[in-house]
Protein backbone atom coordinates (compact mmCIF):
# COMPACT_ATOMS: atom_id res chain seq x y z
CA MET A 1 97.12 38.51 234.32
CA PRO A 2 100.04 36.55 235.50
CA LYS A 3 102.85 36.97 234.64
CA ILE A 4 105.43 34.16 233.61
CA ALA A 5 109.91 34.65 233.30
CA ILE A 6 110.83 31.78 230.41
CA GLY A 7 114.31 30.67 229.86
CA GLY A 8 116.94 27.99 228.89
CA LEU A 9 120.05 26.98 229.99
CA ILE A 10 121.20 23.72 228.42
CA HIS A 11 124.33 21.85 228.95
CA GLU A 12 125.51 18.15 229.40
CA THR A 13 129.14 18.44 230.54
CA HIS A 14 131.61 15.25 230.11
CA THR A 15 133.68 16.26 233.13
CA PHE A 16 136.29 13.75 231.53
CA LEU A 17 136.61 15.16 228.35
CA GLU A 18 139.88 17.79 228.72
CA LYS A 19 137.95 20.70 226.05
CA LEU A 20 136.00 23.54 228.18
CA THR A 21 132.94 24.26 227.07
CA THR A 22 133.33 28.40 226.39
CA ILE A 23 131.08 30.98 224.79
CA GLU A 24 132.21 30.34 221.65
CA ASP A 25 130.96 26.52 222.32
CA PHE A 26 127.47 28.16 223.06
CA GLU A 27 127.50 30.70 220.57
CA ASN A 28 128.24 28.23 217.50
CA ARG A 29 124.74 26.51 218.20
CA GLY A 30 122.99 29.68 218.49
CA VAL A 31 121.71 31.25 221.63
CA ASP A 32 118.33 33.54 221.80
CA TRP A 33 118.02 36.55 224.05
CA GLY A 34 115.18 38.14 225.32
CA GLN A 35 111.78 37.94 223.32
CA GLY A 36 113.71 35.70 220.92
CA ALA A 37 114.12 33.41 223.67
CA ILE A 38 110.30 32.85 222.98
CA ASP A 39 110.02 33.25 220.27
CA ALA A 40 112.90 31.21 218.55
CA ASN A 41 111.26 28.32 219.95
CA ARG A 42 107.59 28.42 219.07
CA GLU A 43 107.88 25.92 216.23
CA VAL A 44 111.07 23.19 217.54
CA HIS A 45 109.69 20.69 219.34
CA GLY A 46 111.30 20.90 222.32
CA TYR A 47 110.41 22.33 226.21
CA ILE A 48 109.80 25.70 225.81
CA GLN A 49 107.71 25.22 223.04
CA GLY A 50 105.56 23.54 225.54
CA PHE A 51 105.72 26.05 227.67
CA VAL A 52 104.37 28.87 225.32
CA GLU A 53 102.15 27.29 223.55
CA VAL A 54 99.96 26.20 227.19
CA LEU A 55 100.95 29.95 228.41
CA GLU A 56 99.51 31.52 225.91
CA ALA A 57 96.64 29.35 225.34
CA ALA A 58 95.90 30.75 228.90
CA GLY A 59 96.59 34.05 228.01
CA VAL A 60 99.65 35.03 230.25
CA GLU A 61 102.16 37.35 229.63
CA MET A 62 105.37 35.75 228.82
CA VAL A 63 108.92 37.52 229.86
CA GLY A 64 111.67 35.90 227.64
CA THR A 65 115.40 36.22 229.21
CA VAL A 66 117.95 33.61 227.50
CA SER A 67 117.86 30.18 225.89
CA ALA A 68 121.43 28.70 225.39
CA ALA A 69 122.43 25.25 224.64
CA ALA A 70 126.06 24.10 223.75
CA GLY A 71 127.00 20.39 222.77
CA VAL A 72 128.74 17.95 224.44
CA HIS A 73 132.45 19.33 226.13
CA GLY A 74 134.15 19.09 229.18
CA TYR A 75 133.70 21.67 232.03
CA VAL A 76 131.64 25.02 231.43
CA THR A 77 133.95 27.89 231.80
CA ASP A 78 133.28 30.56 234.45
CA GLU A 79 132.72 33.33 231.73
CA ALA A 80 130.20 31.12 230.25
CA PHE A 81 128.23 30.27 232.66
CA GLU A 82 128.01 34.08 234.37
CA LEU A 83 127.30 35.49 231.35
CA TYR A 84 124.12 32.98 230.50
CA SER A 85 123.25 32.67 233.98
CA GLY A 86 123.65 36.56 235.06
CA ALA A 87 121.15 37.44 231.40
CA MET A 88 118.98 35.12 233.00
CA VAL A 89 118.54 36.48 236.44
CA ASP A 90 119.24 39.97 235.42
CA ALA A 91 116.24 39.91 233.11
CA ILE A 92 114.10 38.33 235.67
CA ARG A 93 115.26 41.06 237.84
CA GLU A 94 114.34 43.90 235.46
CA ALA A 95 110.68 42.17 235.11
CA MET A 96 109.71 42.16 238.08
CA PRO A 97 107.18 41.38 240.03
CA VAL A 98 106.78 38.30 238.49
CA ASP A 99 104.36 35.36 239.59
CA GLY A 100 106.44 32.26 238.33
CA VAL A 101 109.14 31.08 236.58
CA LEU A 102 109.58 28.13 234.15
CA LEU A 103 113.11 26.75 233.30
CA SER A 104 114.59 24.32 230.52
CA LEU A 105 117.42 23.19 231.71
CA HIS A 106 119.25 20.05 231.54
CA GLY A 107 120.56 18.84 235.25
CA ALA A 108 123.78 17.43 233.58
CA MET A 109 125.65 20.90 233.62
CA VAL A 110 128.76 21.31 235.74
CA THR A 111 131.21 24.10 235.48
CA VAL A 112 134.51 25.30 236.70
CA ARG A 113 133.05 26.51 239.63
CA TYR A 114 129.65 24.89 240.43
CA PRO A 115 129.08 20.99 240.36
CA ARG A 116 125.73 21.72 240.60
CA ALA A 117 125.21 24.23 238.08
CA GLU A 118 121.49 24.07 237.78
CA ALA A 119 120.74 23.93 241.32
CA GLU A 120 123.04 27.16 241.26
CA VAL A 121 120.94 29.02 238.74
CA VAL A 122 117.55 28.12 240.32
CA ARG A 123 119.33 29.48 243.82
CA ARG A 124 120.26 32.66 242.32
CA ILE A 125 116.66 33.23 240.74
CA ARG A 126 115.04 32.34 243.98
CA ALA A 127 117.15 35.04 245.70
CA VAL A 128 115.40 37.38 243.24
CA VAL A 129 111.89 36.60 243.13
CA GLY A 130 111.53 35.63 247.25
CA ASP A 131 109.99 32.20 248.32
CA ASP A 132 106.63 32.73 247.36
CA VAL A 133 106.92 32.90 243.32
CA PRO A 134 107.08 29.24 242.04
CA ILE A 135 109.63 27.97 240.06
CA MET A 136 109.55 25.21 237.48
CA VAL A 137 112.10 23.65 235.86
CA THR A 138 112.00 20.80 233.11
CA LEU A 139 115.60 18.29 232.95
CA ASP A 140 117.07 16.28 230.36
CA LEU A 141 116.47 12.43 231.26
CA HIS A 142 120.08 11.97 231.84
CA ALA A 143 119.63 14.89 234.73
CA ASN A 144 122.25 14.11 237.71
CA GLU A 145 120.76 15.86 240.59
CA ASP A 146 119.98 16.02 243.87
CA GLN A 147 118.74 17.55 246.83
CA ALA A 148 120.11 20.73 246.18
CA LEU A 149 117.80 21.81 243.11
CA THR A 150 114.47 20.16 244.54
CA ASP A 151 115.39 22.15 247.87
CA VAL A 152 114.86 25.34 245.47
CA ALA A 153 112.27 24.63 242.89
CA ASP A 154 108.61 23.90 243.73
CA ALA A 155 108.37 20.91 240.95
CA VAL A 156 110.72 19.46 238.83
CA PHE A 157 109.82 17.25 235.62
CA ALA A 158 112.08 15.31 233.59
CA CYS A 159 111.15 14.19 230.05
CA LYS A 160 110.48 10.45 229.99
CA GLU A 161 111.50 9.09 226.72
CA TYR A 162 114.81 8.46 225.18
CA PRO A 163 115.28 9.36 222.64
CA HIS A 164 113.84 12.59 223.55
CA THR A 165 110.59 12.87 221.50
CA ASP A 166 108.29 13.85 224.48
CA THR A 167 110.29 16.98 225.39
CA ARG A 168 107.33 19.34 224.33
CA GLU A 169 104.76 17.21 226.27
CA THR A 170 107.16 18.01 229.46
CA GLY A 171 107.05 21.43 229.12
CA GLU A 172 103.31 21.16 228.85
CA ALA A 173 103.31 19.83 231.90
CA ALA A 174 105.22 22.41 233.98
CA ALA A 175 103.07 24.55 232.66
CA HIS A 176 100.26 23.39 233.13
CA CYS A 177 101.42 22.82 236.62
CA MET A 178 102.50 26.24 237.22
CA LEU A 179 99.15 27.49 235.76
CA ARG A 180 97.10 25.39 238.57
CA THR A 181 99.61 26.67 241.03
CA LEU A 182 98.84 30.13 240.21
CA ALA A 183 95.23 29.29 240.06
CA GLY A 184 95.04 28.15 243.96
CA THR A 185 94.33 24.91 242.83
CA PHE A 186 97.36 22.73 243.18
CA ARG A 187 100.14 22.75 245.64
CA PRO A 188 103.25 21.10 244.70
CA ALA A 189 104.96 18.66 247.19
CA MET A 190 107.94 16.98 245.69
CA ALA A 191 110.27 14.03 246.94
CA ILE A 192 113.17 12.93 245.68
CA GLN A 193 115.17 9.55 245.88
CA LYS A 194 118.83 8.45 244.20
CA PRO A 195 118.95 4.72 244.01
CA GLY A 196 122.42 4.68 244.16
CA ILE A 197 123.28 3.46 240.05
CA ILE A 198 125.84 5.20 237.68
CA SER A 199 125.16 3.69 233.72
CA PRO A 200 126.44 4.56 230.58
CA SER A 201 124.11 6.30 228.14
CA ILE A 202 123.56 3.51 225.77
CA PHE A 203 121.85 1.09 228.09
CA GLN A 204 119.07 3.51 228.77
CA TRP A 205 116.85 3.24 225.91
CA THR A 206 113.38 3.96 227.16
CA GLY A 207 111.93 1.28 224.17
CA ALA A 208 113.81 -2.09 226.15
CA SER A 209 114.27 -3.05 229.62
CA PRO A 210 114.60 -2.28 232.44
CA MET A 211 113.95 1.26 231.96
CA ARG A 212 110.55 0.41 229.74
CA ASP A 213 109.68 -1.88 233.20
CA PHE A 214 110.65 1.45 235.08
CA ARG A 215 108.33 3.84 233.06
CA VAL A 216 105.59 0.70 233.25
CA ARG A 217 105.81 1.02 237.15
CA ALA A 218 105.55 4.87 237.17
CA ASP A 219 102.58 4.92 234.95
CA ALA A 220 100.78 2.65 237.18
CA TRP A 221 101.27 4.61 240.28
CA GLU A 222 99.98 7.98 238.24
CA ALA A 223 96.92 5.93 237.13
CA GLN A 224 96.03 4.76 240.76
CA HIS A 225 96.73 8.18 241.91
CA PRO A 226 95.36 11.42 240.22
CA GLU A 227 96.89 13.34 242.76
CA ILE A 228 100.23 12.53 241.06
CA ALA A 229 101.05 14.70 239.14
CA TYR A 230 104.24 13.64 237.21
CA ILE A 231 106.86 11.39 238.08
CA SER A 232 110.19 11.79 236.60
CA ILE A 233 112.98 8.53 236.09
CA ALA A 234 115.93 10.00 235.00
CA PRO A 235 118.90 7.44 234.93
CA GLY A 236 121.49 10.55 234.91
CA PHE A 237 124.55 11.23 232.91
CA GLY A 238 127.29 8.37 233.37
CA TYR A 239 130.35 10.60 232.49
CA ALA A 240 130.52 13.14 235.02
CA ASP A 241 132.39 12.79 237.85
CA VAL A 242 130.55 15.13 240.47
CA PRO A 243 128.65 14.32 243.79
CA ASP A 244 125.14 14.12 242.10
CA VAL A 245 125.60 12.01 239.65
CA GLY A 246 123.65 8.89 239.02
CA ALA A 247 120.00 7.94 238.73
CA THR A 248 117.45 10.00 240.31
CA VAL A 249 113.45 9.61 240.57
CA ILE A 250 111.68 12.94 241.51
CA VAL A 251 107.61 12.27 242.29
CA VAL A 252 105.59 15.74 242.35
CA THR A 253 102.06 15.37 243.96
CA ASP A 254 99.53 17.50 244.53
CA GLU A 255 99.66 18.22 248.36
CA ASP A 256 100.51 15.04 249.35
CA LYS A 257 104.14 15.00 250.41
CA ALA A 258 103.86 11.20 252.37
CA LEU A 259 102.38 9.72 248.92
CA ALA A 260 105.29 11.50 246.79
CA GLU A 261 107.71 10.05 248.78
CA GLU A 262 106.41 6.73 248.81
CA VAL A 263 106.46 6.37 245.45
CA ALA A 264 110.11 7.67 245.11
CA ARG A 265 111.33 5.10 247.35
CA ASP A 266 108.71 2.31 245.66
CA ILE A 267 110.26 3.30 242.13
CA SER A 268 113.79 3.73 243.55
CA ASN A 269 114.34 0.24 245.39
CA PHE A 270 112.51 -1.16 242.17
CA MET A 271 115.38 0.63 240.28
CA TRP A 272 118.06 -0.96 242.67
CA GLU A 273 116.84 -4.36 241.93
CA ARG A 274 117.43 -4.37 238.50
CA ARG A 275 120.64 -2.17 238.81
CA GLU A 276 122.85 -5.01 236.86
CA GLU A 277 120.75 -4.22 233.91
CA LEU A 278 120.78 -0.99 234.13
CA ALA A 279 124.39 -0.84 234.59
CA ASP A 280 125.73 -3.40 232.18
CA LYS A 281 125.17 -5.66 229.00
CA PRO A 282 127.20 -7.11 226.16
CA ILE A 283 127.84 -4.22 223.67
CA LEU A 284 130.08 -5.14 220.25
CA LYS A 285 133.36 -4.41 220.06
CA THR A 286 134.64 -2.77 217.13
CA GLU A 287 135.88 -5.88 214.77
CA ASP A 288 132.87 -8.07 215.74
CA ALA A 289 130.52 -5.47 215.34
CA ALA A 290 132.05 -4.55 211.62
CA GLU A 291 131.94 -8.40 210.96
CA LYS A 292 128.51 -8.40 212.12
CA ALA A 293 127.25 -5.62 210.15
CA MET A 294 128.88 -7.12 206.77
CA ALA A 295 127.55 -10.32 207.48
CA LEU A 296 123.86 -8.25 207.43
CA VAL A 297 124.34 -6.59 204.48
CA ALA A 298 125.20 -9.81 203.06
CA GLU A 299 121.76 -10.81 203.85
CA GLY A 300 120.28 -7.99 202.39
CA LYS A 301 119.18 -6.18 205.54
CA THR A 302 120.03 -2.60 204.59
CA PRO A 303 120.78 -0.04 205.29
CA VAL A 304 122.51 -1.75 208.88
CA VAL A 305 122.62 1.44 210.83
CA MET A 306 126.10 1.20 213.22
CA ALA A 307 125.72 3.36 216.25
CA ASP A 308 129.29 4.23 217.53
CA GLY A 309 128.00 5.12 220.93
CA ALA A 310 131.73 5.48 222.39
CA ASP A 311 132.64 8.18 220.22
CA ARG A 312 132.02 11.23 222.11
CA THR A 313 134.35 14.02 220.12
CA GLY A 314 133.28 12.64 217.07
CA ASP A 315 135.67 11.65 215.43
CA ASN A 316 137.20 8.19 216.41
CA THR A 317 138.44 6.65 213.16
CA LEU A 318 138.30 3.02 214.52
CA LEU A 319 135.59 1.55 213.17
CA LEU A 320 135.61 3.36 209.64
CA ARG A 321 139.12 1.82 209.51
CA ALA A 322 137.68 -1.49 210.49
CA LEU A 323 135.19 -1.44 207.60
CA LEU A 324 137.35 -0.07 204.85
CA ASP A 325 139.71 -2.77 205.67
CA MET A 326 137.05 -5.74 205.84
CA GLY A 327 136.45 -4.15 202.08
CA ALA A 328 133.12 -2.58 202.85
CA SER A 329 130.88 -0.50 200.21
CA ASN A 330 128.26 1.27 199.82
CA LEU A 331 128.69 3.09 203.16
CA ALA A 332 128.11 6.57 204.60
CA LEU A 333 129.51 8.18 207.81
CA SER A 334 127.77 11.12 209.58
CA SER A 335 129.65 12.43 210.40
CA MET A 336 133.81 13.32 210.93
CA HIS A 337 134.51 15.93 212.73
CA ASP A 338 137.62 17.17 211.91
CA PRO A 339 137.27 20.99 211.07
CA GLN A 340 140.79 20.83 209.31
CA ALA A 341 139.85 18.01 206.49
CA ALA A 342 136.50 20.04 205.98
CA ARG A 343 137.95 23.09 205.44
CA ASP A 344 140.40 21.14 202.91
CA CYS A 345 137.73 20.11 200.96
CA ILE A 346 135.90 23.10 200.84
CA ASP A 347 138.75 25.15 199.20
CA ALA A 348 139.05 22.37 196.80
CA GLY A 349 135.48 22.89 195.72
CA VAL A 350 133.03 20.59 194.56
CA GLY A 351 134.36 17.98 191.92
CA ALA A 352 137.92 18.30 193.07
CA HIS A 353 140.11 15.34 193.93
CA VAL A 354 141.62 15.56 197.09
CA LYS A 355 143.99 13.69 199.75
CA VAL A 356 143.13 14.79 203.32
CA ARG A 357 144.04 13.56 206.63
CA CYS A 358 141.18 13.28 209.19
CA GLY A 359 140.06 12.58 212.94
CA GLY A 360 142.31 10.80 215.25
CA TRP A 361 142.80 14.06 216.79
CA GLY A 362 140.70 13.77 220.21
CA GLN A 363 141.04 11.52 223.27
CA ALA A 364 140.66 7.96 222.47
CA SER A 365 140.09 8.28 218.78
CA GLY A 366 142.65 6.28 217.23
CA GLU A 367 145.35 7.27 214.18
CA PRO A 368 144.22 9.58 212.05
CA LEU A 369 143.21 8.15 208.45
CA GLN A 370 144.90 9.04 205.41
CA LEU A 371 141.21 9.70 202.57
CA GLU A 372 141.25 10.46 199.00
CA GLY A 373 138.73 10.71 197.09
CA GLU A 374 136.05 13.51 195.10
CA VAL A 375 134.21 16.29 196.97
CA THR A 376 130.40 15.68 196.18
CA HIS A 377 128.81 18.11 198.50
CA VAL A 378 129.97 21.40 200.36
CA ALA A 379 127.83 23.58 202.73
CA ASP A 380 127.46 25.73 205.86
CA GLY A 381 126.52 22.97 207.63
CA GLN A 382 123.18 24.02 209.08
CA TYR A 383 119.90 22.17 208.50
CA VAL A 384 116.23 21.35 209.80
CA LEU A 385 115.47 18.73 211.78
CA THR A 386 112.36 16.98 210.64
CA GLY A 387 112.03 13.61 212.49
CA PRO A 388 110.29 12.77 215.34
CA MET A 389 113.23 14.47 218.07
CA GLY A 390 113.80 18.06 217.72
CA ARG A 391 111.78 18.53 214.65
CA GLY A 392 112.13 22.17 213.48
CA GLY A 393 115.26 22.64 215.46
CA THR A 394 118.22 23.77 213.42
CA VAL A 395 121.46 21.80 213.69
CA HIS A 396 124.66 23.73 213.23
CA CYS A 397 127.54 21.51 212.01
CA GLY A 398 129.83 25.01 211.06
CA PRO A 399 131.30 24.33 207.24
CA THR A 400 130.55 20.74 206.01
CA ALA A 401 132.06 18.90 202.97
CA THR A 402 131.20 15.08 201.98
CA LEU A 403 133.63 13.36 199.95
CA ASP A 404 133.30 10.21 198.21
CA ILE A 405 136.07 7.71 198.48
CA GLY A 406 135.49 5.23 196.05
CA ASP A 407 133.09 2.12 196.01
CA GLY A 408 130.51 4.14 196.64
CA ASN A 409 131.70 5.26 200.54
CA ARG A 410 130.94 8.64 201.80
CA ILE A 411 132.40 10.45 204.36
CA ILE A 412 130.47 13.54 205.99
CA LEU A 413 133.36 16.07 207.20
CA THR A 414 132.13 18.40 209.57
CA SER A 415 133.55 21.98 212.02
CA LEU A 416 131.40 21.04 214.98
CA ASN A 417 130.43 17.67 216.26
CA HIS A 418 127.47 16.42 215.43
CA GLN A 419 124.90 13.42 216.49
CA VAL A 420 122.32 12.10 213.57
CA ARG A 421 118.78 12.14 214.86
CA ASP A 422 116.77 11.29 211.35
CA ALA A 423 117.56 11.08 207.80
CA GLU A 424 118.37 14.94 207.49
CA GLY A 425 121.78 14.35 208.84
CA PHE A 426 122.50 12.58 205.55
CA ARG A 427 120.29 14.57 203.22
CA ALA A 428 121.95 17.78 204.27
CA PHE A 429 124.79 16.91 203.51
CA GLY A 430 123.85 15.14 199.41
CA VAL A 431 123.52 11.49 200.73
CA ASP A 432 120.10 9.41 200.59
CA PRO A 433 120.82 6.94 204.06
CA LEU A 434 117.65 4.95 202.71
CA GLU A 435 119.70 3.58 199.46
CA MET A 436 123.47 3.12 201.70
CA ASP A 437 124.23 -0.35 202.88
CA ILE A 438 126.01 0.71 206.03
CA LEU A 439 125.45 4.24 208.15
CA ILE A 440 127.38 4.93 211.12
CA VAL A 441 126.13 7.61 213.11
CA ARG A 442 127.83 9.20 216.23
CA SER A 443 125.08 8.48 219.02
CA ARG A 444 124.09 5.88 221.37
CA ILE A 445 120.13 6.05 221.38
CA HIS A 446 119.16 9.64 219.71
CA PHE A 447 119.18 7.97 216.43
CA ARG A 448 116.68 5.35 217.31
CA ALA A 449 114.13 8.12 217.22
CA TYR A 450 114.02 7.80 213.16
CA TYR A 451 116.05 4.86 212.20
CA GLU A 452 114.28 2.33 215.04
CA ASP A 453 111.43 1.95 211.99
CA VAL A 454 113.37 2.34 209.13
CA ALA A 455 116.56 0.52 209.32
CA GLY A 456 117.26 -3.11 207.62
CA ALA A 457 118.94 -3.62 211.17
CA ILE A 458 121.14 -2.21 213.99
CA VAL A 459 124.49 -2.77 215.16
CA GLU A 460 125.43 -1.30 218.86
CA VAL A 461 129.38 -0.62 218.89
CA ASP A 462 131.30 0.08 221.68
CA ALA A 463 134.65 1.06 220.26
CA PRO A 464 137.21 2.72 221.92
CA GLY A 465 136.58 6.11 222.98
CA MET A 466 135.49 8.50 225.49
CA GLY A 467 131.57 7.19 226.01
CA PRO A 468 132.75 3.67 227.21
CA ALA A 469 129.64 1.02 227.79
CA ASP A 470 131.68 -0.17 230.29
CA LEU A 471 132.68 2.86 233.10
CA SER A 472 135.06 0.82 235.03
CA VAL A 473 137.89 2.05 232.47
CA LEU A 474 137.38 5.74 233.89
CA THR A 475 138.31 6.87 236.87
CA TYR A 476 136.14 8.78 239.50
CA HIS A 477 137.01 10.84 242.62
CA ASN A 478 134.43 12.50 243.37
CA ILE A 479 131.19 10.66 243.16
CA PRO A 480 129.46 8.50 246.70
CA ALA A 481 131.75 5.63 247.31
CA ASP A 482 128.63 3.19 247.33
CA THR A 483 127.70 4.26 243.60
CA TYR A 484 127.35 0.84 241.69
CA PRO A 485 128.82 -0.23 240.42
CA VAL A 486 132.30 1.98 239.76
CA GLY A 487 132.23 3.78 243.51
CA ARG A 488 135.05 2.67 245.45
CA HIS A 489 132.91 0.15 247.91
CA TRP A 490 132.72 -2.04 244.87
CA ARG A 491 135.54 -2.03 242.90
């Protein structure tokens, strides 16, 4: 019976944020150790669930290592990286001999010491298991990777959808390739190409062009050549000042390196031809977006979902202030990341009338707002996802309160940064999103997994913030000079 080690280490590192990502940030989201890395993910729609379902069905012995993830902050501290990557390596060393290793990584983790953190994790595991043990890796679609990773891994699989509703399927694909490799019926050959494009996340929705067109081209290749096991198209994470930044195409085939290289080159060239569409499109600024939302409400197209895609710290006040100044009513915001304001409301208790100062404390987040109203809900901030993305997973918002500030306007205050993925991002805090006229979410694309089908209208907003649609407002020092459109050769 084969023995396969399983682990996960996930972080999307925003190198322009000042706050470092610490052990506490990982612990706040929940870390699973040893067998817990397997058991805790059985019912959570994700990569490890995909690993487990395939391997259990095949009767494979699984060895859990660690499963850790943290929300978006700045560079991961060396202490945090060494703790979790070290635990993973130690668990595999203790379990030796193993026949294979399946890893759920992100692809955009950056530590204080390692700009290519995922490649460093795989390199350390390779040093333990040797060259003959296959290591296969799943990645987020926002991965920034280059040959440093593909040189040490046997096969790499990035999810194909944004919102990431196919993470379980991506894990299943990796596990099936692992089993075939161990059975001797599959010999992975891999090629990687980087078209040299950096793009904001808000332009990467796979439900629209150009990302949809890239996937159609990849699917046509797969249909024509059964020996192609998987084609990854990762547009990358643009808010990282690292050498491997930007879009990546990775092709895994059965023993056909030449085909893998041909396909990777073809798709990479196609992406380059469409680079302007991927890197730039008009997004409404704050005032214009607020006016459009108010007009849509007047037309009865509710709920209007406003996606504040530029807010990476979760405390931006500019869009909320604009809407309130325009007289918006029956509005809900999930959420305002402000631990002190949440604590003030919790201490006052449900039914209390409070005045709080909230938001505007982070980078490029506007000025704090003075809000007054009734506390209608307090909670520990944990809820379970029920929508298409991450179903079954637990979201951790920390101590949370809902404040009714009048005119039907409700503000959800959280202690941890929070991105809404489905209705539970409101319902867990006493707000029915489908009864509201306007919903503000701190999200670029993930909210679409649920709200694309239920919203009366969607308005994308490029408010000032640390996730701008125009990457030229950021100053990059470490990206390749020819990276379109912000490498120094393009300025």
